[in-house]
Amino acid sequence: MIVTISITIPAPEVTITKQENPQLSHIYGFTDFHLITREKGGFFMFYNDKDELLFVGKARKLRQRIKKHFEDTVSPIKNHRNEVTKIEVYIVEDPVEREIYETYIANKLNAKYNPDKVSGN
């Protein structure tokens, strides 16, 4: 028996982009973190200037987790932070759904820096 699963990626709640000449940014050119919810969970995607997906992640509290990727020493993108030019944020409160979206998107869209999520297929 063949089972087909169809997952539709929703439209992002918020998209922020790197500023060309950021006046007040100390976070790799991003100045609009205030637009990302502090209280809600979901998933997020980091893109480069060619609109290629670099990384997809999930979080119970989105703003804090996204900022952490630009600050900590263990993030999978720690050596590639300068490549990120766009961040899309999606609100998904259910933790199981967040996990499904993260794994599906990492594999379907070939996220460059999600080695633990991308299958060898």
Protein backbone atom coordinates (compact mmCIF):
# COMPACT_ATOMS: atom_id res chain seq x y z
CA MET A 1 0.00 0.00 0.00
CA ILE A 2 1.34 3.40 -1.00
CA VAL A 3 0.42 6.33 1.20
CA THR A 4 0.82 9.86 -0.08
CA ILE A 5 1.04 12.72 2.34
CA SER A 6 0.43 16.23 1.13
CA ILE A 7 1.66 19.09 3.29
CA THR A 8 0.89 22.68 2.42
CA ILE A 9 3.30 25.26 3.76
CA PRO A 10 1.26 28.23 5.03
CA ALA A 11 2.00 31.85 4.17
CA PRO A 12 4.49 33.43 6.57
CA GLU A 13 3.14 35.62 9.37
CA VAL A 14 6.21 37.86 9.20
CA THR A 15 9.11 38.27 6.78
CA ILE A 16 12.11 40.36 7.73
CA THR A 17 15.03 41.19 5.47
CA LYS A 18 18.58 42.27 6.02
CA GLN A 19 19.02 46.03 5.69
CA GLU A 20 21.56 47.38 3.22
CA ASN A 21 22.71 50.12 5.60
CA PRO A 22 21.37 49.18 9.03
CA GLN A 23 21.59 52.14 11.39
CA LEU A 24 20.72 50.40 14.64
CA SER A 25 21.37 46.72 14.01
CA HIS A 26 23.91 44.68 15.86
CA ILE A 27 22.40 41.42 14.61
CA TYR A 28 23.87 40.80 11.17
CA GLY A 29 21.93 43.61 9.51
CA PHE A 30 18.47 42.70 10.81
CA THR A 31 16.54 45.53 12.47
CA ASP A 32 12.96 44.22 12.57
CA PHE A 33 13.09 41.47 15.21
CA HIS A 34 10.39 43.41 17.10
CA LEU A 35 7.91 42.26 14.41
CA ILE A 36 8.36 38.62 15.47
CA THR A 37 6.14 37.38 18.30
CA ARG A 38 7.73 36.75 21.69
CA GLU A 39 4.92 34.58 22.99
CA LYS A 40 3.95 32.18 20.21
CA GLY A 41 5.54 29.08 18.76
CA GLY A 42 6.09 28.06 15.20
CA PHE A 43 8.83 27.54 12.67
CA PHE A 44 11.14 29.82 10.71
CA MET A 45 13.20 29.71 7.56
CA PHE A 46 16.47 31.50 6.77
CA TYR A 47 17.20 32.33 3.11
CA ASN A 48 20.23 33.73 1.27
CA ASP A 49 20.26 36.46 -1.38
CA LYS A 50 19.51 33.88 -4.11
CA ASP A 51 16.35 32.85 -2.22
CA GLU A 52 17.87 29.45 -1.41
CA LEU A 53 16.75 27.89 1.87
CA LEU A 54 19.68 27.79 4.28
CA PHE A 55 17.99 26.57 7.45
CA VAL A 56 14.58 25.74 8.90
CA GLY A 57 13.96 25.58 12.63
CA LYS A 58 11.16 25.45 15.16
CA ALA A 59 10.57 27.05 18.55
CA ARG A 60 8.09 27.41 21.40
CA LYS A 61 8.93 31.13 21.49
CA LEU A 62 9.97 32.34 18.09
CA ARG A 63 11.77 35.65 18.61
CA GLN A 64 14.11 34.35 21.30
CA ARG A 65 15.02 31.23 19.31
CA ILE A 66 15.65 33.08 16.05
CA LYS A 67 17.87 35.65 17.77
CA LYS A 68 19.78 32.83 19.47
CA HIS A 69 20.84 31.49 16.07
CA PHE A 70 22.69 34.78 15.55
CA GLU A 71 24.27 34.81 19.00
CA ASP A 72 25.19 31.34 20.28
CA THR A 73 28.19 29.18 19.47
CA VAL A 74 26.30 25.95 18.77
CA SER A 75 23.87 27.03 16.05
CA PRO A 76 24.18 25.05 12.80
CA ILE A 77 24.40 28.40 10.99
CA LYS A 78 27.07 29.92 13.26
CA ASN A 79 29.61 30.02 10.42
CA HIS A 80 27.04 31.15 7.84
CA ARG A 81 25.19 33.99 9.58
CA ASN A 82 26.36 36.55 7.04
CA GLU A 83 24.64 34.54 4.28
CA VAL A 84 21.17 35.06 5.79
CA THR A 85 19.31 37.88 4.03
CA LYS A 86 15.67 36.94 4.70
CA ILE A 87 13.83 35.32 7.60
CA GLU A 88 10.28 34.00 7.25
CA VAL A 89 8.28 33.28 10.41
CA TYR A 90 5.26 30.97 10.66
CA ILE A 91 2.97 30.66 13.69
CA VAL A 92 2.18 27.03 14.56
CA GLU A 93 1.35 26.40 18.21
CA ASP A 94 1.16 22.58 18.12
CA PRO A 95 4.62 21.06 18.81
CA VAL A 96 3.93 17.95 16.72
CA GLU A 97 2.92 20.09 13.74
CA ARG A 98 6.10 22.21 14.17
CA GLU A 99 8.22 19.05 14.07
CA ILE A 100 6.43 17.80 10.94
CA TYR A 101 6.83 21.13 9.13
CA GLU A 102 10.51 21.40 10.07
CA THR A 103 11.37 17.89 8.88
CA TYR A 104 9.23 18.13 5.74
CA ILE A 105 10.57 21.53 4.68
CA ALA A 106 14.21 20.63 5.41
CA ASN A 107 13.90 17.62 3.12
CA LYS A 108 11.52 18.93 0.45
CA LEU A 109 13.31 22.25 -0.02
CA ASN A 110 16.83 20.88 0.68
CA ALA A 111 17.76 23.15 3.57
CA LYS A 112 21.51 23.61 3.26
CA TYR A 113 22.37 23.68 6.99
CA ASN A 114 19.91 21.14 8.46
CA PRO A 115 22.10 18.04 8.30
CA ASP A 116 20.28 16.28 11.15
CA LYS A 117 16.89 16.66 9.42
CA VAL A 118 17.71 15.99 5.77
CA SER A 119 17.57 12.37 4.67
CA GLY A 120 20.05 10.96 2.20
CA ASN A 121 17.31 10.21 -0.33
